[in-house]
Amino acid sequence: MQLVINTYGAAIHKVGNLFEICADGNKSLVSPKKVQSILITTGVHLTSDAIEMAVENNIDILFADKYGNPYGRIWHSKLGSTARIRRSQILLSMHSEGLQIGLQWILRRFESQVEYLKTVRERRTRQSAELSNVINLLNRSIDDLNHLDGNINELRNKILGIEGYAGRQYWQLLGGLMPERFQFCERSRNPAKDEFNCLLNYAYGVLYGIVERACIIAGLDPYVGFIHTDNYNKTSLVFDIIEAYRIYAEETVLGLFSARKITPKLFDPYLNGLTLNTEGKKVLLEKYNQFLDEAMRYSGRNIKRRDIVQFDLHKFAKELVKMYGGEDE
């Protein structure tokens, strides 16, 4: 599980072989064997012995800002030999095959959105026409991407254009599906202009941390991407890969609105927009972690959604080595 600490002034200590979490006058003990990662979203007291126990148990500690964006993490230093994988990754990024790899993650995003909208269409028959129009548009975008071939530097703007147009139609559709009080017209980032985007931004930030963690464990270099450019201090590969899993965040947020779990009291005004308050983070993260920890049938086995990311990236790393580096040690 992911241990989420979002209470200001909470403390994490080591007691025996357990984590002790103190918050709002309450104490609880958690075994490190049950924890995959620790997400800290506010001011927290974290002792060095708790950090040491997390490192010894391969638990990363992730720090996120008010938007859910990770700004730092504590991780152990014994990730094994990754040089061969990363050399292969760099070689692939310079070949046309790298374009096709990068496109596969975008294609998975469109395909997952199509499948989700088909599910929504079954429940919302009155809006069947609008849903079908966007489903058809996404399918056309999939066809357009499948026909691309060549140098990524020459095709990058075309890819972004296809993504951008399809995305605008998708978000306009979802905005109209919201309860009237929460309808929106377009995506807005930090700060979000509306409640839906505020929740989605935070959910994307948490997902970013999961994908980055999976890259590190698999031995991949988060900074060497295929579609996104390799700018200084930009985790380009994470931005590439996260496309395939964004539907996890989208389904969770849409589900909260459908279940009428969202009220204005979960948000605070910030600059010219909104930010999630402590209660809002609690509502989102409880549902999100429950969704991510649900097992689904994938590649012939039952795997938690959270672990599918790791499964895919280990597979990708092995394919990289076979393509360019021979058998890894």
C-alpha atoms as a PDB file:
ATOM      1  CA  MET A   1       0.000   0.000   0.000  1.00  0.00           C
ATOM      2  CA  GLN A   2       0.944   3.651  -0.231  1.00  0.00           C
ATOM      3  CA  LEU A   3       1.128   5.362   3.156  1.00  0.00           C
ATOM      4  CA  VAL A   4      -0.230   8.906   2.759  1.00  0.00           C
ATOM      5  CA  ILE A   5       0.644  11.605   5.307  1.00  0.00           C
ATOM      6  CA  ASN A   6      -1.379  14.776   4.711  1.00  0.00           C
ATOM      7  CA  THR A   7      -1.927  16.105   8.261  1.00  0.00           C
ATOM      8  CA  TYR A   8       0.193  19.143   9.081  1.00  0.00           C
ATOM      9  CA  GLY A   9       2.523  18.493  12.012  1.00  0.00           C
ATOM     10  CA  ALA A  10       2.219  14.700  11.821  1.00  0.00           C
ATOM     11  CA  ALA A  11       5.275  12.656  12.766  1.00  0.00           C
ATOM     12  CA  ILE A  12       6.765   9.373  11.570  1.00  0.00           C
ATOM     13  CA  HIS A  13       9.024   7.466  13.961  1.00  0.00           C
ATOM     14  CA  LYS A  14      10.467   3.990  14.199  1.00  0.00           C
ATOM     15  CA  VAL A  15       9.208   1.875  17.096  1.00  0.00           C
ATOM     16  CA  GLY A  16      10.830  -1.531  17.124  1.00  0.00           C
ATOM     17  CA  ASN A  17      10.418  -2.829  13.578  1.00  0.00           C
ATOM     18  CA  LEU A  18       7.350  -0.708  12.850  1.00  0.00           C
ATOM     19  CA  PHE A  19       6.534   2.794  11.658  1.00  0.00           C
ATOM     20  CA  GLU A  20       4.683   4.864  14.254  1.00  0.00           C
ATOM     21  CA  ILE A  21       2.524   7.602  12.767  1.00  0.00           C
ATOM     22  CA  CYS A  22       1.376  10.349  15.136  1.00  0.00           C
ATOM     23  CA  ALA A  23      -1.297  12.757  13.869  1.00  0.00           C
ATOM     24  CA  ASP A  24      -3.982  14.830  15.596  1.00  0.00           C
ATOM     25  CA  GLY A  25      -3.222  13.197  18.932  1.00  0.00           C
ATOM     26  CA  ASN A  26      -3.645   9.670  17.557  1.00  0.00           C
ATOM     27  CA  LYS A  27      -0.954   7.033  17.104  1.00  0.00           C
ATOM     28  CA  SER A  28      -0.888   4.046  14.771  1.00  0.00           C
ATOM     29  CA  LEU A  29       1.683   1.369  13.977  1.00  0.00           C
ATOM     30  CA  VAL A  30       2.337   0.092  10.458  1.00  0.00           C
ATOM     31  CA  SER A  31       4.601  -2.732   9.349  1.00  0.00           C
ATOM     32  CA  PRO A  32       7.095  -1.746   6.618  1.00  0.00           C
ATOM     33  CA  LYS A  33       6.285  -5.062   4.931  1.00  0.00           C
ATOM     34  CA  LYS A  34       2.860  -3.640   4.087  1.00  0.00           C
ATOM     35  CA  VAL A  35       4.169  -0.356   2.656  1.00  0.00           C
ATOM     36  CA  GLN A  36       5.348   0.186  -0.901  1.00  0.00           C
ATOM     37  CA  SER A  37       5.852   3.950  -0.697  1.00  0.00           C
ATOM     38  CA  ILE A  38       5.236   6.901   1.629  1.00  0.00           C
ATOM     39  CA  LEU A  39       3.627  10.042   0.210  1.00  0.00           C
ATOM     40  CA  ILE A  40       4.083  13.234   2.233  1.00  0.00           C
ATOM     41  CA  THR A  41       1.990  16.225   1.162  1.00  0.00           C
ATOM     42  CA  THR A  42       2.433  18.679   4.043  1.00  0.00           C
ATOM     43  CA  GLY A  43       4.759  19.663   6.916  1.00  0.00           C
ATOM     44  CA  VAL A  44       5.762  16.450   8.715  1.00  0.00           C
ATOM     45  CA  HIS A  45       8.357  15.400  11.297  1.00  0.00           C
ATOM     46  CA  LEU A  46      10.349  12.515   9.822  1.00  0.00           C
ATOM     47  CA  THR A  47      13.068  10.901  11.951  1.00  0.00           C
ATOM     48  CA  SER A  48      16.290   9.504  10.536  1.00  0.00           C
ATOM     49  CA  ASP A  49      15.622   6.035  11.958  1.00  0.00           C
ATOM     50  CA  ALA A  50      12.275   5.940  10.119  1.00  0.00           C
ATOM     51  CA  ILE A  51      14.086   6.941   6.924  1.00  0.00           C
ATOM     52  CA  GLU A  52      16.681   4.214   7.468  1.00  0.00           C
ATOM     53  CA  MET A  53      13.962   1.585   7.939  1.00  0.00           C
ATOM     54  CA  ALA A  54      12.238   2.766   4.763  1.00  0.00           C
ATOM     55  CA  VAL A  55      15.497   2.495   2.799  1.00  0.00           C
ATOM     56  CA  GLU A  56      16.227  -0.960   4.197  1.00  0.00           C
ATOM     57  CA  ASN A  57      12.767  -2.130   3.088  1.00  0.00           C
ATOM     58  CA  ASN A  58      12.962  -0.649  -0.416  1.00  0.00           C
ATOM     59  CA  ILE A  59      10.284   1.957   0.423  1.00  0.00           C
ATOM     60  CA  ASP A  60      10.668   5.287  -1.329  1.00  0.00           C
ATOM     61  CA  ILE A  61       9.562   8.466   0.447  1.00  0.00           C
ATOM     62  CA  LEU A  62       7.940  10.923  -1.942  1.00  0.00           C
ATOM     63  CA  PHE A  63       7.325  14.614  -1.196  1.00  0.00           C
ATOM     64  CA  ALA A  64       4.558  16.378  -3.150  1.00  0.00           C
ATOM     65  CA  ASP A  65       3.550  20.043  -3.345  1.00  0.00           C
ATOM     66  CA  LYS A  66       0.028  21.447  -2.976  1.00  0.00           C
ATOM     67  CA  TYR A  67      -0.797  20.410  -6.548  1.00  0.00           C
ATOM     68  CA  GLY A  68       0.317  16.808  -6.038  1.00  0.00           C
ATOM     69  CA  ASN A  69       3.492  17.311  -8.080  1.00  0.00           C
ATOM     70  CA  PRO A  70       6.528  15.449  -6.665  1.00  0.00           C
ATOM     71  CA  TYR A  71       9.401  17.758  -5.791  1.00  0.00           C
ATOM     72  CA  GLY A  72      11.740  15.269  -4.124  1.00  0.00           C
ATOM     73  CA  ARG A  73      12.133  11.707  -2.940  1.00  0.00           C
ATOM     74  CA  ILE A  74      14.336   9.597  -0.688  1.00  0.00           C
ATOM     75  CA  TRP A  75      15.459   6.368  -2.292  1.00  0.00           C
ATOM     76  CA  HIS A  76      18.036   3.709  -1.557  1.00  0.00           C
ATOM     77  CA  SER A  77      21.321   3.757  -3.494  1.00  0.00           C
ATOM     78  CA  LYS A  78      21.532   0.067  -4.447  1.00  0.00           C
ATOM     79  CA  LEU A  79      19.507  -0.201  -7.618  1.00  0.00           C
ATOM     80  CA  GLY A  80      21.826  -2.713  -9.228  1.00  0.00           C
ATOM     81  CA  SER A  81      23.492  -2.488 -12.621  1.00  0.00           C
ATOM     82  CA  THR A  82      21.547  -0.124 -14.877  1.00  0.00           C
ATOM     83  CA  ALA A  83      24.309   1.075 -17.234  1.00  0.00           C
ATOM     84  CA  ARG A  84      23.504  -1.459 -19.978  1.00  0.00           C
ATOM     85  CA  ILE A  85      19.798  -0.670 -19.892  1.00  0.00           C
ATOM     86  CA  ARG A  86      20.434   3.060 -20.071  1.00  0.00           C
ATOM     87  CA  ARG A  87      22.945   2.746 -22.914  1.00  0.00           C
ATOM     88  CA  SER A  88      20.321   0.775 -24.820  1.00  0.00           C
ATOM     89  CA  GLN A  89      17.703   3.397 -24.001  1.00  0.00           C
ATOM     90  CA  ILE A  90      19.892   6.183 -25.416  1.00  0.00           C
ATOM     91  CA  LEU A  91      20.576   4.200 -28.600  1.00  0.00           C
ATOM     92  CA  LEU A  92      16.871   3.549 -29.093  1.00  0.00           C
ATOM     93  CA  SER A  93      16.029   7.222 -28.615  1.00  0.00           C
ATOM     94  CA  MET A  94      18.207   8.060 -31.634  1.00  0.00           C
ATOM     95  CA  HIS A  95      16.556   5.563 -33.997  1.00  0.00           C
ATOM     96  CA  SER A  96      13.184   5.466 -35.755  1.00  0.00           C
ATOM     97  CA  GLU A  97      12.219   2.554 -33.483  1.00  0.00           C
ATOM     98  CA  GLY A  98      12.238   5.046 -30.614  1.00  0.00           C
ATOM     99  CA  LEU A  99       9.422   6.975 -32.276  1.00  0.00           C
ATOM    100  CA  GLN A 100       7.282   3.843 -32.425  1.00  0.00           C
ATOM    101  CA  ILE A 101       7.973   3.081 -28.755  1.00  0.00           C
ATOM    102  CA  GLY A 102       6.951   6.591 -27.744  1.00  0.00           C
ATOM    103  CA  LEU A 103       3.823   6.425 -29.897  1.00  0.00           C
ATOM    104  CA  GLN A 104       2.727   3.195 -28.229  1.00  0.00           C
ATOM    105  CA  TRP A 105       2.239   4.997 -24.903  1.00  0.00           C
ATOM    106  CA  ILE A 106       0.153   7.722 -26.552  1.00  0.00           C
ATOM    107  CA  LEU A 107      -1.861   5.094 -28.411  1.00  0.00           C
ATOM    108  CA  ARG A 108      -2.567   3.302 -25.150  1.00  0.00           C
ATOM    109  CA  ARG A 109      -3.921   6.527 -23.719  1.00  0.00           C
ATOM    110  CA  PHE A 110      -6.316   7.025 -26.639  1.00  0.00           C
ATOM    111  CA  GLU A 111      -7.354   3.362 -26.586  1.00  0.00           C
ATOM    112  CA  SER A 112      -8.075   3.439 -22.848  1.00  0.00           C
ATOM    113  CA  GLN A 113     -10.105   6.632 -23.256  1.00  0.00           C
ATOM    114  CA  VAL A 114     -12.135   5.023 -26.049  1.00  0.00           C
ATOM    115  CA  GLU A 115     -12.899   2.004 -23.881  1.00  0.00           C
ATOM    116  CA  TYR A 116     -13.880   4.195 -20.954  1.00  0.00           C
ATOM    117  CA  LEU A 117     -16.186   6.375 -23.057  1.00  0.00           C
ATOM    118  CA  LYS A 118     -17.871   3.252 -24.431  1.00  0.00           C
ATOM    119  CA  THR A 119     -18.599   2.213 -20.847  1.00  0.00           C
ATOM    120  CA  VAL A 120     -19.999   5.662 -20.071  1.00  0.00           C
ATOM    121  CA  ARG A 121     -22.142   5.531 -23.231  1.00  0.00           C
ATOM    122  CA  GLU A 122     -23.854   2.384 -21.977  1.00  0.00           C
ATOM    123  CA  ARG A 123     -25.042   4.282 -18.891  1.00  0.00           C
ATOM    124  CA  ARG A 124     -25.761   7.659 -20.484  1.00  0.00           C
ATOM    125  CA  THR A 125     -27.912   6.783 -23.471  1.00  0.00           C
ATOM    126  CA  ARG A 126     -29.249  10.344 -23.800  1.00  0.00           C
ATOM    127  CA  GLN A 127     -25.742  11.556 -24.577  1.00  0.00           C
ATOM    128  CA  SER A 128     -24.894   8.660 -26.860  1.00  0.00           C
ATOM    129  CA  ALA A 129     -24.435  10.879 -29.932  1.00  0.00           C
ATOM    130  CA  GLU A 130     -21.925  13.216 -28.252  1.00  0.00           C
ATOM    131  CA  LEU A 131     -20.007  10.287 -26.790  1.00  0.00           C
ATOM    132  CA  SER A 132     -19.943   8.477 -30.141  1.00  0.00           C
ATOM    133  CA  ASN A 133     -18.590  11.557 -31.895  1.00  0.00           C
ATOM    134  CA  VAL A 134     -15.613  11.796 -29.543  1.00  0.00           C
ATOM    135  CA  ILE A 135     -15.048   8.030 -29.641  1.00  0.00           C
ATOM    136  CA  ASN A 136     -14.884   8.241 -33.452  1.00  0.00           C
ATOM    137  CA  LEU A 137     -12.497  11.196 -33.240  1.00  0.00           C
ATOM    138  CA  LEU A 138     -10.184   9.308 -30.881  1.00  0.00           C
ATOM    139  CA  ASN A 139     -10.237   6.297 -33.204  1.00  0.00           C
ATOM    140  CA  ARG A 140      -9.290   8.530 -36.143  1.00  0.00           C
ATOM    141  CA  SER A 141      -6.445   9.948 -34.056  1.00  0.00           C
ATOM    142  CA  ILE A 142      -5.262   6.396 -33.368  1.00  0.00           C
ATOM    143  CA  ASP A 143      -5.227   5.721 -37.118  1.00  0.00           C
ATOM    144  CA  ASP A 144      -3.308   8.951 -37.776  1.00  0.00           C
ATOM    145  CA  LEU A 145      -0.654   8.049 -35.197  1.00  0.00           C
ATOM    146  CA  ASN A 146      -0.326   4.501 -36.531  1.00  0.00           C
ATOM    147  CA  HIS A 147       0.537   5.850 -39.965  1.00  0.00           C
ATOM    148  CA  LEU A 148       3.378   8.068 -38.750  1.00  0.00           C
ATOM    149  CA  ASP A 149       6.894   6.993 -39.615  1.00  0.00           C
ATOM    150  CA  GLY A 150      10.229   8.781 -39.739  1.00  0.00           C
ATOM    151  CA  ASN A 151      12.347  11.099 -37.632  1.00  0.00           C
ATOM    152  CA  ILE A 152      10.891  12.149 -34.298  1.00  0.00           C
ATOM    153  CA  ASN A 153      12.280  15.682 -34.631  1.00  0.00           C
ATOM    154  CA  GLU A 154      10.368  16.104 -37.886  1.00  0.00           C
ATOM    155  CA  LEU A 155       7.158  14.553 -36.572  1.00  0.00           C
ATOM    156  CA  ARG A 156       7.014  15.919 -33.015  1.00  0.00           C
ATOM    157  CA  ASN A 157       4.827  18.922 -33.868  1.00  0.00           C
ATOM    158  CA  LYS A 158       2.452  16.710 -35.857  1.00  0.00           C
ATOM    159  CA  ILE A 159       2.114  14.323 -32.921  1.00  0.00           C
ATOM    160  CA  LEU A 160       1.455  17.197 -30.530  1.00  0.00           C
ATOM    161  CA  GLY A 161      -1.139  18.583 -32.946  1.00  0.00           C
ATOM    162  CA  ILE A 162      -3.019  15.273 -33.088  1.00  0.00           C
ATOM    163  CA  GLU A 163      -2.862  14.958 -29.297  1.00  0.00           C
ATOM    164  CA  GLY A 164      -3.936  18.546 -28.730  1.00  0.00           C
ATOM    165  CA  TYR A 165      -6.994  18.482 -30.981  1.00  0.00           C
ATOM    166  CA  ALA A 166      -8.234  15.125 -29.696  1.00  0.00           C
ATOM    167  CA  GLY A 167      -7.595  16.233 -26.114  1.00  0.00           C
ATOM    168  CA  ARG A 168      -9.646  19.423 -26.473  1.00  0.00           C
ATOM    169  CA  GLN A 169     -12.644  17.464 -27.759  1.00  0.00           C
ATOM    170  CA  TYR A 170     -12.269  14.857 -25.017  1.00  0.00           C
ATOM    171  CA  TRP A 171     -12.151  17.418 -22.202  1.00  0.00           C
ATOM    172  CA  GLN A 172     -15.051  19.426 -23.594  1.00  0.00           C
ATOM    173  CA  LEU A 173     -17.117  16.239 -23.635  1.00  0.00           C
ATOM    174  CA  LEU A 174     -16.185  15.329 -20.054  1.00  0.00           C
ATOM    175  CA  GLY A 175     -16.876  18.879 -18.916  1.00  0.00           C
ATOM    176  CA  GLY A 176     -20.413  18.555 -20.183  1.00  0.00           C
ATOM    177  CA  LEU A 177     -20.904  15.226 -18.402  1.00  0.00           C
ATOM    178  CA  MET A 178     -20.276  16.791 -14.996  1.00  0.00           C
ATOM    179  CA  PRO A 179     -23.109  17.798 -12.656  1.00  0.00           C
ATOM    180  CA  GLU A 180     -24.193  21.307 -13.665  1.00  0.00           C
ATOM    181  CA  ARG A 181     -22.481  22.919 -10.644  1.00  0.00           C
ATOM    182  CA  PHE A 182     -19.102  21.463 -11.694  1.00  0.00           C
ATOM    183  CA  GLN A 183     -19.145  21.682 -15.490  1.00  0.00           C
ATOM    184  CA  PHE A 184     -16.029  23.071 -17.198  1.00  0.00           C
ATOM    185  CA  CYS A 185     -14.927  23.911 -20.755  1.00  0.00           C
ATOM    186  CA  GLU A 186     -11.237  23.047 -20.934  1.00  0.00           C
ATOM    187  CA  ARG A 187      -8.192  21.732 -19.134  1.00  0.00           C
ATOM    188  CA  SER A 188      -6.564  24.123 -16.701  1.00  0.00           C
ATOM    189  CA  ARG A 189      -3.386  23.382 -14.820  1.00  0.00           C
ATOM    190  CA  ASN A 190      -1.739  25.036 -11.875  1.00  0.00           C
ATOM    191  CA  PRO A 191      -3.714  26.698 -10.491  1.00  0.00           C
ATOM    192  CA  ALA A 192      -6.806  24.855 -11.726  1.00  0.00           C
ATOM    193  CA  LYS A 193      -9.776  27.026 -12.641  1.00  0.00           C
ATOM    194  CA  ASP A 194     -12.383  24.510 -11.502  1.00  0.00           C
ATOM    195  CA  GLU A 195     -12.913  21.580  -9.155  1.00  0.00           C
ATOM    196  CA  PHE A 196     -12.534  18.817 -11.755  1.00  0.00           C
ATOM    197  CA  ASN A 197      -9.172  20.071 -12.975  1.00  0.00           C
ATOM    198  CA  CYS A 198      -8.009  20.665  -9.418  1.00  0.00           C
ATOM    199  CA  LEU A 199      -8.623  17.001  -8.573  1.00  0.00           C
ATOM    200  CA  LEU A 200      -7.223  15.757 -11.866  1.00  0.00           C
ATOM    201  CA  ASN A 201      -4.012  17.764 -11.545  1.00  0.00           C
ATOM    202  CA  TYR A 202      -3.409  16.298  -8.100  1.00  0.00           C
ATOM    203  CA  ALA A 203      -4.182  12.763  -9.289  1.00  0.00           C
ATOM    204  CA  TYR A 204      -1.796  13.185 -12.222  1.00  0.00           C
ATOM    205  CA  GLY A 205       0.907  14.344  -9.814  1.00  0.00           C
ATOM    206  CA  VAL A 206       0.535  11.195  -7.714  1.00  0.00           C
ATOM    207  CA  LEU A 207       0.619   9.086 -10.885  1.00  0.00           C
ATOM    208  CA  TYR A 208       3.809  10.853 -11.966  1.00  0.00           C
ATOM    209  CA  GLY A 209       5.471   9.663  -8.749  1.00  0.00           C
ATOM    210  CA  ILE A 210       4.365   6.071  -9.404  1.00  0.00           C
ATOM    211  CA  VAL A 211       5.727   6.115 -12.958  1.00  0.00           C
ATOM    212  CA  GLU A 212       9.034   7.695 -11.940  1.00  0.00           C
ATOM    213  CA  ARG A 213       9.455   5.068  -9.217  1.00  0.00           C
ATOM    214  CA  ALA A 214       8.775   2.285 -11.723  1.00  0.00           C
ATOM    215  CA  CYS A 215      11.379   3.729 -14.103  1.00  0.00           C
ATOM    216  CA  ILE A 216      14.029   3.813 -11.379  1.00  0.00           C
ATOM    217  CA  ILE A 217      13.333   0.254 -10.205  1.00  0.00           C
ATOM    218  CA  ALA A 218      13.406  -1.046 -13.797  1.00  0.00           C
ATOM    219  CA  GLY A 219      16.806   0.593 -14.360  1.00  0.00           C
ATOM    220  CA  LEU A 220      15.523   3.126 -16.883  1.00  0.00           C
ATOM    221  CA  ASP A 221      16.786   6.696 -17.049  1.00  0.00           C
ATOM    222  CA  PRO A 222      13.803   8.980 -16.350  1.00  0.00           C
ATOM    223  CA  TYR A 223      15.545  11.822 -18.201  1.00  0.00           C
ATOM    224  CA  VAL A 224      15.958  10.113 -21.614  1.00  0.00           C
ATOM    225  CA  GLY A 225      12.652  10.265 -23.463  1.00  0.00           C
ATOM    226  CA  PHE A 226      11.412   9.482 -26.958  1.00  0.00           C
ATOM    227  CA  ILE A 227       8.584  11.922 -27.701  1.00  0.00           C
ATOM    228  CA  HIS A 228       9.239  14.620 -25.107  1.00  0.00           C
ATOM    229  CA  THR A 229      12.447  16.562 -25.562  1.00  0.00           C
ATOM    230  CA  ASP A 230      15.432  16.079 -23.270  1.00  0.00           C
ATOM    231  CA  ASN A 231      15.638  19.473 -21.594  1.00  0.00           C
ATOM    232  CA  TYR A 232      17.736  20.159 -18.514  1.00  0.00           C
ATOM    233  CA  ASN A 233      16.264  18.615 -15.373  1.00  0.00           C
ATOM    234  CA  LYS A 234      13.189  17.324 -17.256  1.00  0.00           C
ATOM    235  CA  THR A 235      12.138  13.711 -16.715  1.00  0.00           C
ATOM    236  CA  SER A 236      11.219  13.239 -20.373  1.00  0.00           C
ATOM    237  CA  LEU A 237      10.726   9.470 -20.175  1.00  0.00           C
ATOM    238  CA  VAL A 238       8.252   9.846 -17.305  1.00  0.00           C
ATOM    239  CA  PHE A 239       6.228  12.338 -19.360  1.00  0.00           C
ATOM    240  CA  ASP A 240       6.249   9.853 -22.260  1.00  0.00           C
ATOM    241  CA  ILE A 241       5.225   6.810 -20.245  1.00  0.00           C
ATOM    242  CA  ILE A 242       2.599   8.439 -18.034  1.00  0.00           C
ATOM    243  CA  GLU A 243       0.355   8.848 -21.094  1.00  0.00           C
ATOM    244  CA  ALA A 244      -0.464   5.127 -21.017  1.00  0.00           C
ATOM    245  CA  TYR A 245      -1.795   5.326 -17.455  1.00  0.00           C
ATOM    246  CA  ARG A 246      -3.522   8.725 -17.243  1.00  0.00           C
ATOM    247  CA  ILE A 247      -6.872   6.968 -17.495  1.00  0.00           C
ATOM    248  CA  TYR A 248      -6.327   5.750 -13.902  1.00  0.00           C
ATOM    249  CA  ALA A 249      -6.529   9.337 -12.677  1.00  0.00           C
ATOM    250  CA  GLU A 250      -9.362  10.261 -15.034  1.00  0.00           C
ATOM    251  CA  GLU A 251     -11.547   7.309 -14.036  1.00  0.00           C
ATOM    252  CA  THR A 252     -10.980   8.000 -10.341  1.00  0.00           C
ATOM    253  CA  VAL A 253     -11.906  11.679 -10.551  1.00  0.00           C
ATOM    254  CA  LEU A 254     -14.916  11.081 -12.778  1.00  0.00           C
ATOM    255  CA  GLY A 255     -16.044   8.331 -10.410  1.00  0.00           C
ATOM    256  CA  LEU A 256     -15.955  10.712  -7.456  1.00  0.00           C
ATOM    257  CA  PHE A 257     -18.235  13.161  -9.245  1.00  0.00           C
ATOM    258  CA  SER A 258     -20.580  10.379 -10.381  1.00  0.00           C
ATOM    259  CA  ALA A 259     -20.819   9.147  -6.779  1.00  0.00           C
ATOM    260  CA  ARG A 260     -21.513  12.737  -5.631  1.00  0.00           C
ATOM    261  CA  LYS A 261     -18.544  12.693  -3.274  1.00  0.00           C
ATOM    262  CA  ILE A 262     -17.336  16.139  -4.345  1.00  0.00           C
ATOM    263  CA  THR A 263     -18.499  19.348  -2.669  1.00  0.00           C
ATOM    264  CA  PRO A 264     -17.099  22.910  -2.784  1.00  0.00           C
ATOM    265  CA  LYS A 265     -15.857  22.599   0.811  1.00  0.00           C
ATOM    266  CA  LEU A 266     -13.027  20.303  -0.401  1.00  0.00           C
ATOM    267  CA  PHE A 267     -11.322  23.237  -2.132  1.00  0.00           C
ATOM    268  CA  ASP A 268      -9.673  26.499  -1.141  1.00  0.00           C
ATOM    269  CA  PRO A 269      -9.168  29.565  -3.338  1.00  0.00           C
ATOM    270  CA  TYR A 270      -5.576  29.998  -4.472  1.00  0.00           C
ATOM    271  CA  LEU A 271      -4.264  32.784  -6.714  1.00  0.00           C
ATOM    272  CA  ASN A 272      -6.769  32.885  -9.585  1.00  0.00           C
ATOM    273  CA  GLY A 273      -7.940  29.313  -9.121  1.00  0.00           C
ATOM    274  CA  LEU A 274      -8.400  26.492  -6.643  1.00  0.00           C
ATOM    275  CA  THR A 275      -6.307  24.123  -4.595  1.00  0.00           C
ATOM    276  CA  LEU A 276      -7.297  20.970  -2.723  1.00  0.00           C
ATOM    277  CA  ASN A 277      -7.480  21.369   1.042  1.00  0.00           C
ATOM    278  CA  THR A 278      -6.668  18.640   3.562  1.00  0.00           C
ATOM    279  CA  GLU A 279     -10.150  17.123   3.422  1.00  0.00           C
ATOM    280  CA  GLY A 280     -10.118  17.228  -0.367  1.00  0.00           C
ATOM    281  CA  LYS A 281      -6.817  15.369  -0.517  1.00  0.00           C
ATOM    282  CA  LYS A 282      -8.193  12.764   1.875  1.00  0.00           C
ATOM    283  CA  VAL A 283     -11.290  12.137  -0.255  1.00  0.00           C
ATOM    284  CA  LEU A 284      -9.267  11.870  -3.466  1.00  0.00           C
ATOM    285  CA  LEU A 285      -6.397   9.769  -2.147  1.00  0.00           C
ATOM    286  CA  GLU A 286      -8.613   7.260  -0.363  1.00  0.00           C
ATOM    287  CA  LYS A 287     -10.530   6.575  -3.574  1.00  0.00           C
ATOM    288  CA  TYR A 288      -7.418   6.745  -5.768  1.00  0.00           C
ATOM    289  CA  ASN A 289      -5.396   4.289  -3.696  1.00  0.00           C
ATOM    290  CA  GLN A 290      -8.371   1.935  -3.552  1.00  0.00           C
ATOM    291  CA  PHE A 291      -8.624   2.088  -7.355  1.00  0.00           C
ATOM    292  CA  LEU A 292      -4.887   1.578  -7.867  1.00  0.00           C
ATOM    293  CA  ASP A 293      -4.817  -1.385  -5.492  1.00  0.00           C
ATOM    294  CA  GLU A 294      -7.629  -3.200  -7.291  1.00  0.00           C
ATOM    295  CA  ALA A 295      -6.432  -6.247  -9.214  1.00  0.00           C
ATOM    296  CA  MET A 296      -7.378  -6.687 -12.861  1.00  0.00           C
ATOM    297  CA  ARG A 297      -6.673  -9.319 -15.487  1.00  0.00           C
ATOM    298  CA  TYR A 298      -3.573  -8.276 -17.383  1.00  0.00           C
ATOM    299  CA  SER A 299      -1.213 -10.341 -19.560  1.00  0.00           C
ATOM    300  CA  GLY A 300      -2.773 -13.546 -18.306  1.00  0.00           C
ATOM    301  CA  ARG A 301      -2.496 -12.779 -14.597  1.00  0.00           C
ATOM    302  CA  ASN A 302      -4.223 -10.791 -11.872  1.00  0.00           C
ATOM    303  CA  ILE A 303      -2.213  -7.631 -11.188  1.00  0.00           C
ATOM    304  CA  LYS A 304      -2.982  -4.489  -9.199  1.00  0.00           C
ATOM    305  CA  ARG A 305      -3.255  -1.418 -11.405  1.00  0.00           C
ATOM    306  CA  ARG A 306      -0.430   0.163  -9.429  1.00  0.00           C
ATOM    307  CA  ASP A 307       1.821  -2.814 -10.218  1.00  0.00           C
ATOM    308  CA  ILE A 308       0.933  -2.903 -13.921  1.00  0.00           C
ATOM    309  CA  VAL A 309       3.160   0.149 -14.380  1.00  0.00           C
ATOM    310  CA  GLN A 310       6.115  -1.697 -12.847  1.00  0.00           C
ATOM    311  CA  PHE A 311       5.319  -4.873 -14.802  1.00  0.00           C
ATOM    312  CA  ASP A 312       5.295  -2.959 -18.099  1.00  0.00           C
ATOM    313  CA  LEU A 313       8.533  -1.098 -17.437  1.00  0.00           C
ATOM    314  CA  HIS A 314      10.445  -4.211 -16.384  1.00  0.00           C
ATOM    315  CA  LYS A 315       9.300  -5.794 -19.635  1.00  0.00           C
ATOM    316  CA  PHE A 316      10.364  -2.701 -21.582  1.00  0.00           C
ATOM    317  CA  ALA A 317      13.809  -2.678 -19.924  1.00  0.00           C
ATOM    318  CA  LYS A 318      14.358  -6.337 -20.841  1.00  0.00           C
ATOM    319  CA  GLU A 319      13.342  -5.634 -24.447  1.00  0.00           C
ATOM    320  CA  LEU A 320      15.811  -2.737 -24.574  1.00  0.00           C
ATOM    321  CA  VAL A 321      18.687  -4.956 -23.507  1.00  0.00           C
ATOM    322  CA  LYS A 322      17.779  -7.618 -26.072  1.00  0.00           C
ATOM    323  CA  MET A 323      17.592  -5.014 -28.844  1.00  0.00           C
ATOM    324  CA  TYR A 324      20.828  -3.172 -28.136  1.00  0.00           C
ATOM    325  CA  GLY A 325      22.776  -4.582 -25.245  1.00  0.00           C
ATOM    326  CA  GLY A 326      22.748  -8.358 -25.285  1.00  0.00           C
ATOM    327  CA  GLU A 327      21.795 -10.220 -22.130  1.00  0.00           C
ATOM    328  CA  ASP A 328      22.030  -8.132 -18.994  1.00  0.00           C
ATOM    329  CA  GLU A 329      24.026  -9.329 -16.020  1.00  0.00           C
END
